[in-house]
Protein backbone atom coordinates (compact mmCIF):
# COMPACT_ATOMS: atom_id res chain seq x y z
CA UNK A 1 -1.28 -20.96 -6.79
CA UNK A 2 0.23 -21.26 -10.44
CA UNK A 3 1.56 -24.14 -11.47
CA UNK A 4 4.75 -21.89 -12.16
CA UNK A 5 5.38 -21.42 -8.29
CA UNK A 6 7.30 -23.85 -6.37
CA UNK A 7 6.26 -25.74 -3.14
CA UNK A 8 8.76 -23.74 -0.73
CA UNK A 9 7.63 -20.28 -2.33
CA UNK A 10 3.47 -21.41 -1.77
CA UNK A 11 4.58 -22.92 1.77
CA UNK A 12 6.42 -19.54 2.82
CA UNK A 13 3.33 -17.43 1.14
CA UNK A 14 0.45 -19.34 3.32
CA UNK A 15 2.51 -18.97 6.38
CA UNK A 16 2.47 -15.22 5.45
CA UNK A 17 -1.04 -15.32 5.27
CA UNK A 18 -2.15 -17.42 8.03
CA UNK A 19 0.06 -17.11 10.58
CA UNK A 20 1.17 -13.24 9.99
CA UNK A 21 -1.85 -11.84 8.82
CA UNK A 22 0.31 -10.60 5.72
CA UNK A 23 -1.92 -8.09 3.62
CA UNK A 24 -2.82 -9.25 0.22
CA UNK A 25 -0.19 -6.24 -1.17
CA UNK A 26 2.24 -8.10 0.99
CA UNK A 27 1.77 -11.10 -0.70
CA UNK A 28 1.93 -9.97 -3.80
CA UNK A 29 5.15 -8.23 -3.43
CA UNK A 30 7.01 -11.07 -1.54
CA UNK A 31 5.41 -13.22 -4.51
CA UNK A 32 7.13 -10.59 -7.19
CA UNK A 33 10.05 -10.30 -5.47
CA UNK A 34 10.63 -14.36 -5.61
CA UNK A 35 9.78 -14.46 -9.27
CA UNK A 36 12.07 -11.55 -10.16
CA UNK A 37 15.14 -12.93 -8.61
CA UNK A 38 13.98 -16.66 -9.95
CA UNK A 39 14.57 -14.88 -13.62
CA UNK A 40 17.50 -12.81 -12.84
CA UNK A 41 19.27 -15.81 -11.35
CA UNK A 42 18.51 -17.97 -14.31
CA UNK A 43 19.91 -15.65 -16.75
CA UNK A 44 22.58 -14.66 -15.00
CA UNK A 45 23.71 -18.42 -14.91
CA UNK A 46 23.46 -18.49 -18.81
CA UNK A 47 25.88 -15.06 -18.63
CA UNK A 48 27.98 -17.53 -16.84
CA UNK A 49 27.76 -20.03 -19.16
CA UNK A 50 28.62 -17.80 -22.05
CA UNK A 51 31.80 -16.29 -20.14
CA UNK A 52 32.80 -19.81 -19.53
CA UNK A 53 32.80 -20.48 -23.31
CA UNK A 54 34.72 -17.26 -24.11
CA UNK A 55 31.95 -15.35 -25.41
CA UNK A 56 31.61 -11.68 -23.71
CA UNK A 57 28.93 -11.26 -21.09
CA UNK A 58 28.75 -8.20 -18.75
CA UNK A 59 28.55 -8.77 -15.08
CA UNK A 60 26.33 -8.30 -13.21
CA UNK A 61 23.24 -8.25 -15.40
CA UNK A 62 20.80 -5.95 -14.65
CA UNK A 63 17.31 -6.64 -13.95
CA UNK A 64 15.40 -6.18 -17.45
CA UNK A 65 13.06 -3.12 -16.99
CA UNK A 66 9.30 -3.49 -17.41
CA UNK A 67 8.99 -7.26 -18.44
CA UNK A 68 7.18 -9.08 -15.72
CA UNK A 69 8.10 -12.34 -14.23
CA UNK A 70 4.32 -13.60 -15.26
CA UNK A 71 4.93 -12.98 -18.96
CA UNK A 72 6.54 -16.59 -19.53
CA UNK A 73 7.11 -19.71 -17.61
CA UNK A 74 9.23 -19.40 -14.78
CA UNK A 75 12.41 -21.06 -14.41
CA UNK A 76 13.33 -23.58 -11.80
CA UNK A 77 15.81 -22.81 -8.97
CA UNK A 78 16.98 -24.64 -6.38
CA UNK A 79 16.90 -22.25 -3.49
CA UNK A 80 19.48 -24.17 -1.05
CA UNK A 81 22.04 -23.79 -3.44
CA UNK A 82 22.03 -19.96 -3.27
CA UNK A 83 25.33 -18.32 -2.52
CA UNK A 84 26.03 -15.18 -0.32
CA UNK A 85 28.02 -13.79 -3.39
CA UNK A 86 24.99 -14.23 -5.85
CA UNK A 87 22.69 -11.95 -3.34
CA UNK A 88 25.41 -9.48 -3.63
CA UNK A 89 25.81 -9.25 -7.09
CA UNK A 90 21.89 -8.98 -7.57
CA UNK A 91 21.53 -6.49 -5.08
CA UNK A 92 24.57 -4.55 -7.16
CA UNK A 93 22.10 -5.38 -10.38
CA UNK A 94 19.33 -3.88 -9.02
CA UNK A 95 20.98 -0.96 -7.91
CA UNK A 96 22.66 -0.47 -11.50
CA UNK A 97 19.11 -0.74 -12.87
CA UNK A 98 18.63 2.79 -11.28
CA UNK A 99 15.56 1.69 -9.43
CA UNK A 100 14.76 3.92 -6.28
CA UNK A 101 16.07 2.41 -3.32
CA UNK A 102 12.92 1.85 -1.94
CA UNK A 103 11.96 -0.91 -4.29
CA UNK A 104 15.20 -2.41 -3.76
CA UNK A 105 14.72 -2.55 -0.38
CA UNK A 106 11.41 -4.32 -1.03
CA UNK A 107 13.09 -6.69 -3.24
CA UNK A 108 15.69 -7.47 -0.94
CA UNK A 109 13.43 -7.73 2.11
CA UNK A 110 10.96 -10.34 0.25
CA UNK A 111 14.16 -12.84 -0.57
CA UNK A 112 15.68 -12.27 3.17
CA UNK A 113 12.30 -12.83 4.92
CA UNK A 114 11.70 -15.82 2.68
CA UNK A 115 14.97 -17.41 3.59
CA UNK A 116 14.86 -16.33 7.49
CA UNK A 117 11.13 -19.00 6.71
CA UNK A 118 13.73 -21.54 5.07
CA UNK A 119 16.20 -21.75 7.80
CA UNK A 120 13.29 -21.98 10.64
CA UNK A 121 12.12 -24.92 8.52
CA UNK A 122 15.37 -26.08 8.90
CA UNK A 123 15.73 -26.77 4.96
CA UNK A 124 19.00 -24.04 4.35
CA UNK A 125 21.82 -23.96 7.27
CA UNK A 126 22.44 -20.08 7.06
CA UNK A 127 20.60 -17.20 5.45
CA UNK A 128 22.56 -16.18 2.31
CA UNK A 129 21.24 -12.57 2.57
CA UNK A 130 22.31 -12.29 6.54
CA UNK A 131 25.52 -10.33 5.75
CA UNK A 132 24.28 -8.29 3.06
CA UNK A 133 24.81 -4.41 3.68
CA UNK A 134 21.83 -2.20 2.38
CA UNK A 135 22.61 1.00 0.79
CA UNK A 136 21.00 4.14 2.81
CA UNK A 137 17.65 4.74 1.68
CA UNK A 138 16.68 8.30 0.76
CA UNK A 139 14.52 10.24 2.83
CA UNK A 140 11.37 11.31 1.61
CA UNK A 141 8.96 13.49 2.91
CA UNK A 142 5.70 12.11 2.99
CA UNK A 143 3.40 14.50 0.39
CA UNK A 144 -0.05 15.49 2.01
CA UNK A 145 -2.82 17.53 0.98
CA UNK A 146 -3.78 20.63 2.57
CA UNK A 147 -7.44 21.36 4.28
CA UNK A 148 -8.64 23.26 1.65
CA UNK A 149 -7.57 20.40 -0.79
CA UNK A 150 -9.10 18.09 1.10
CA UNK A 151 -12.34 19.70 1.68
CA UNK A 152 -12.42 20.27 -2.55
CA UNK A 153 -12.01 16.46 -2.37
CA UNK A 154 -14.35 15.00 0.02
CA UNK A 155 -17.15 17.85 -1.42
CA UNK A 156 -16.36 16.22 -5.00
CA UNK A 157 -18.48 13.07 -4.96
CA UNK A 158 -21.93 15.17 -4.54
CA UNK A 159 -20.55 17.34 -7.10
CA UNK A 160 -20.91 14.48 -9.23
CA UNK A 161 -23.95 13.24 -7.98
CA UNK A 162 -25.66 17.00 -8.37
CA UNK A 163 -24.73 16.38 -12.27
CA UNK A 164 -25.99 13.14 -12.51
CA UNK A 165 -29.42 13.92 -10.55
CA UNK A 166 -29.42 17.13 -13.00
CA UNK A 167 -28.63 14.81 -16.33
CA UNK A 168 -25.08 15.92 -17.07
CA UNK A 169 -22.88 13.38 -18.19
CA UNK A 170 -19.43 13.04 -18.01
CA UNK A 171 -17.23 11.09 -20.38
CA UNK A 172 -16.81 7.30 -19.38
CA UNK A 173 -19.00 4.61 -18.02
CA UNK A 174 -21.29 6.19 -16.17
CA UNK A 175 -21.64 5.13 -12.97
CA UNK A 176 -24.31 3.68 -10.62
CA UNK A 177 -26.83 6.22 -8.43
CA UNK A 178 -25.00 5.04 -5.21
CA UNK A 179 -21.60 5.08 -6.20
CA UNK A 180 -21.12 9.21 -5.57
CA UNK A 181 -22.34 8.39 -1.76
CA UNK A 182 -20.27 5.51 -1.45
CA UNK A 183 -17.10 7.49 -2.55
CA UNK A 184 -18.06 10.29 0.06
CA UNK A 185 -18.29 7.69 2.74
CA UNK A 186 -15.04 6.19 1.71
CA UNK A 187 -13.37 9.42 1.15
CA UNK A 188 -14.52 10.80 4.80
CA UNK A 189 -13.71 7.37 6.62
CA UNK A 190 -10.09 7.28 5.00
CA UNK A 191 -9.69 10.90 6.13
CA UNK A 192 -11.07 10.64 9.25
CA UNK A 193 -9.59 7.72 10.85
CA UNK A 194 -6.15 7.60 8.97
CA UNK A 195 -6.65 3.97 7.22
CA UNK A 196 -5.10 1.92 5.19
CA UNK A 197 -7.19 1.47 1.88
CA UNK A 198 -6.79 -2.14 2.48
CA UNK A 199 -8.43 -2.39 5.63
CA UNK A 200 -11.07 0.75 4.40
CA UNK A 201 -12.26 -2.22 1.63
CA UNK A 202 -12.34 -5.27 4.52
CA UNK A 203 -14.51 -2.91 6.77
CA UNK A 204 -17.65 -4.74 7.64
CA UNK A 205 -20.91 -3.36 8.84
CA UNK A 206 -20.72 -4.55 12.16
CA UNK A 207 -17.33 -2.70 12.26
CA UNK A 208 -18.56 0.68 12.63
CA UNK A 209 -20.09 1.58 16.19
CA UNK A 210 -22.01 4.78 15.79
CA UNK A 211 -22.54 5.35 19.41
CA UNK A 212 -18.90 5.64 20.46
CA UNK A 213 -17.53 6.70 17.70
CA UNK A 214 -15.19 4.04 16.57
CA UNK A 215 -14.34 2.09 13.65
CA UNK A 216 -12.81 -1.62 14.77
CA UNK A 217 -9.79 -2.68 12.21
CA UNK A 218 -10.11 -6.55 12.77
CA UNK A 219 -6.98 -7.17 11.06
CA UNK A 220 -4.94 -4.28 10.52
CA UNK A 221 -1.31 -4.81 9.94
CA UNK A 222 0.37 -7.36 11.45
CA UNK A 223 -2.73 -9.10 12.46
CA UNK A 224 -3.29 -6.42 15.50
CA UNK A 225 -6.87 -5.08 16.10
CA UNK A 226 -7.31 -1.31 17.10
CA UNK A 227 -9.67 1.12 17.56
CA UNK A 228 -9.92 4.22 15.32
CA UNK A 229 -11.56 7.08 16.43
CA UNK A 230 -14.03 8.32 13.52
CA UNK A 231 -16.02 11.90 13.25
CA UNK A 232 -19.55 12.32 13.25
CA UNK A 233 -19.29 13.81 9.36
CA UNK A 234 -17.93 10.11 8.24
CA UNK A 235 -20.57 8.33 10.16
CA UNK A 236 -23.10 10.78 8.71
CA UNK A 237 -21.82 10.20 5.37
CA UNK A 238 -21.92 6.26 5.97
CA UNK A 239 -25.52 6.34 7.20
CA UNK A 240 -26.39 8.15 3.92
CA UNK A 241 -24.70 5.88 1.79
CA UNK A 242 -26.16 2.76 3.36
CA UNK A 243 -29.85 4.37 2.46
CA UNK A 244 -28.84 5.11 -0.50
CA UNK A 245 -28.43 1.40 -1.37
CA UNK A 246 -30.14 -0.87 -4.27
CA UNK A 247 -32.94 -2.70 -2.22
CA UNK A 248 -31.13 -6.30 -3.41
CA UNK A 249 -27.25 -5.39 -1.69
CA UNK A 250 -26.87 -7.48 1.68
CA UNK A 251 -27.66 -5.34 4.77
CA UNK A 252 -26.36 -7.58 7.48
CA UNK A 253 -23.72 -7.33 10.06
CA UNK A 254 -21.15 -9.12 8.17
CA UNK A 255 -22.15 -7.27 4.89
CA UNK A 256 -19.24 -5.25 3.35
CA UNK A 257 -19.20 -1.72 4.27
CA UNK A 258 -18.58 -0.77 0.92
CA UNK A 259 -19.42 -2.18 -2.15
CA UNK A 260 -19.00 -2.49 -6.02
CA UNK A 261 -21.26 -2.26 -9.02
CA UNK A 262 -23.21 -4.99 -8.11
CA UNK A 263 -23.34 -5.46 -4.41
CA UNK A 264 -19.95 -7.52 -3.85
CA UNK A 265 -17.09 -5.80 -1.70
CA UNK A 266 -15.37 -2.87 -3.24
CA UNK A 267 -11.66 -3.89 -4.20
CA UNK A 268 -8.71 -1.65 -3.46
CA UNK A 269 -8.47 -0.65 -7.41
CA UNK A 270 -11.93 0.47 -7.36
CA UNK A 271 -10.82 3.03 -4.60
CA UNK A 272 -7.76 4.06 -6.28
CA UNK A 273 -9.55 5.12 -9.75
CA UNK A 274 -12.26 6.95 -7.48
CA UNK A 275 -9.88 8.84 -5.95
CA UNK A 276 -8.15 10.06 -9.64
CA UNK A 277 -11.62 11.00 -10.48
CA UNK A 278 -12.94 12.99 -7.48
CA UNK A 279 -9.16 14.40 -7.50
CA UNK A 280 -9.52 15.75 -11.25
CA UNK A 281 -12.75 16.77 -10.36
CA UNK A 282 -11.82 19.13 -7.62
CA UNK A 283 -8.68 20.37 -9.28
CA UNK A 284 -5.67 18.79 -7.01
CA UNK A 285 -3.91 16.49 -9.74
CA UNK A 286 -4.27 13.13 -10.74
CA UNK A 287 -1.18 11.22 -8.79
CA UNK A 288 -3.60 11.46 -5.36
CA UNK A 289 -3.88 8.06 -3.84
CA UNK A 290 -5.41 6.72 -0.74
CA UNK A 291 -2.07 6.63 1.45
CA UNK A 292 -1.98 10.72 1.02
CA UNK A 293 -4.93 11.04 2.71
CA UNK A 294 -3.43 8.85 5.85
CA UNK A 295 -0.31 11.14 5.17
CA UNK A 296 -2.44 13.95 5.47
CA UNK A 297 -4.58 12.77 8.45
CA UNK A 298 -1.19 12.25 10.60
CA UNK A 299 -0.09 15.59 9.40
CA UNK A 300 -2.77 17.61 10.65
CA UNK A 301 -3.05 15.77 13.76
CA UNK A 302 0.43 17.01 14.40
CA UNK A 303 0.08 20.08 13.23
CA UNK A 304 -2.70 20.80 15.84
CA UNK A 305 -0.90 19.58 18.92
CA UNK A 306 -1.00 15.65 18.89
CA UNK A 307 1.44 13.94 20.12
CA UNK A 308 3.49 11.41 18.32
CA UNK A 309 2.84 8.33 20.56
CA UNK A 310 -0.80 8.69 20.16
CA UNK A 311 -0.32 9.37 16.67
CA UNK A 312 1.94 6.23 16.20
CA UNK A 313 -1.47 4.31 18.00
CA UNK A 314 -3.95 5.60 15.60
CA UNK A 315 -2.10 4.74 12.85
CA UNK A 316 -1.22 1.25 13.88
CA UNK A 317 2.37 1.59 13.49
CA UNK A 318 4.50 -0.90 15.42
CA UNK A 319 7.55 1.00 15.81
CA UNK A 320 7.64 4.88 16.84
CA UNK A 321 10.44 5.44 14.07
CA UNK A 322 7.98 4.48 11.27
CA UNK A 323 5.33 7.62 12.32
CA UNK A 324 8.61 10.12 13.13
CA UNK A 325 8.86 10.67 9.45
CA UNK A 326 5.61 13.19 9.98
CA UNK A 327 7.47 15.51 12.40
CA UNK A 328 10.26 16.23 9.93
CA UNK A 329 7.07 17.42 7.65
CA UNK A 330 5.62 19.50 10.35
CA UNK A 331 9.05 20.65 11.24
CA UNK A 332 9.86 21.87 7.87
CA UNK A 333 6.30 23.70 7.71
CA UNK A 334 7.49 25.63 10.85
CA UNK A 335 10.58 26.50 9.31
CA UNK A 336 9.26 27.83 6.37
CA UNK A 337 6.67 29.99 8.60
CA UNK A 338 9.81 31.05 10.86
CA UNK A 339 11.76 32.27 7.62
CA UNK A 340 8.71 34.17 6.02
CA UNK A 341 7.66 35.74 9.36
CA UNK A 342 10.86 36.01 11.76
CA UNK A 343 12.79 39.69 11.37
CA UNK A 344 15.88 38.19 12.32
CA UNK A 345 15.50 34.56 10.34
């Protein structure tokens, strides 16, 4: 907690973590949403004061792109005094800043959730965002990898291991001997079980059931526990990786399933960097993210005939509508095949 954050925001983030089991990413995003609103509100107030003095001022003021709220001390704010018209002006400012609609929706969602919390606590009587009408979000189909691309990606860590064993050095800091085997196991697990990257890095050894061939997600999104099937190739990769670990790394049931360079739990950034390294090595492209393996997991299951409800359970989605986006992907692919192959298309 920083000195810049007021007590209401602190309580809100504690509530999300303790009672809603929010992920670290959700906590960071919501904290950022509230920080940015505080800055915008303070700057907007200054502009209104200048207008009152007869100075020229545009309205609404768009948030400044590329500046971090952490760069300077945050202005104080009385959350009880925020009015609905200020929230409408903020939404307009976000739209005029030409942000993606998903980004706008996230910032408003953070504010809306915070005020719902304040209403439940009796801090404010009404939620100033309750009547705010959001613009429709653009429909973007999730991007996924082909089976050939997945094969190339999953084999890339072993290619790196062979190069290191042969004495070949690549540019950048050399990786520890166990790292390619760890990365192979992480990639196999991500694709085999469709995990979120935050779920992957929280796994302990005890969460792998090699006999039942499942992995236990102890604290998934929304605090739900679920069992995810995991394929034998992924389990074999995990066992091989564990056999390659340095002798001083922890190995008990509560030990991290995947370690960083010095034996601590691997973090999300390390997974992201590893994926970009292997995507380049496999010739896939530098924009590969762990979530694209999750998209690929769902898309290939539906392509192979899996029913939507089962895929929903495997992904841990609370709502079936969240999973339905993948049906648009498979439908689009079927339409392409039809247009190409049918004589009367």
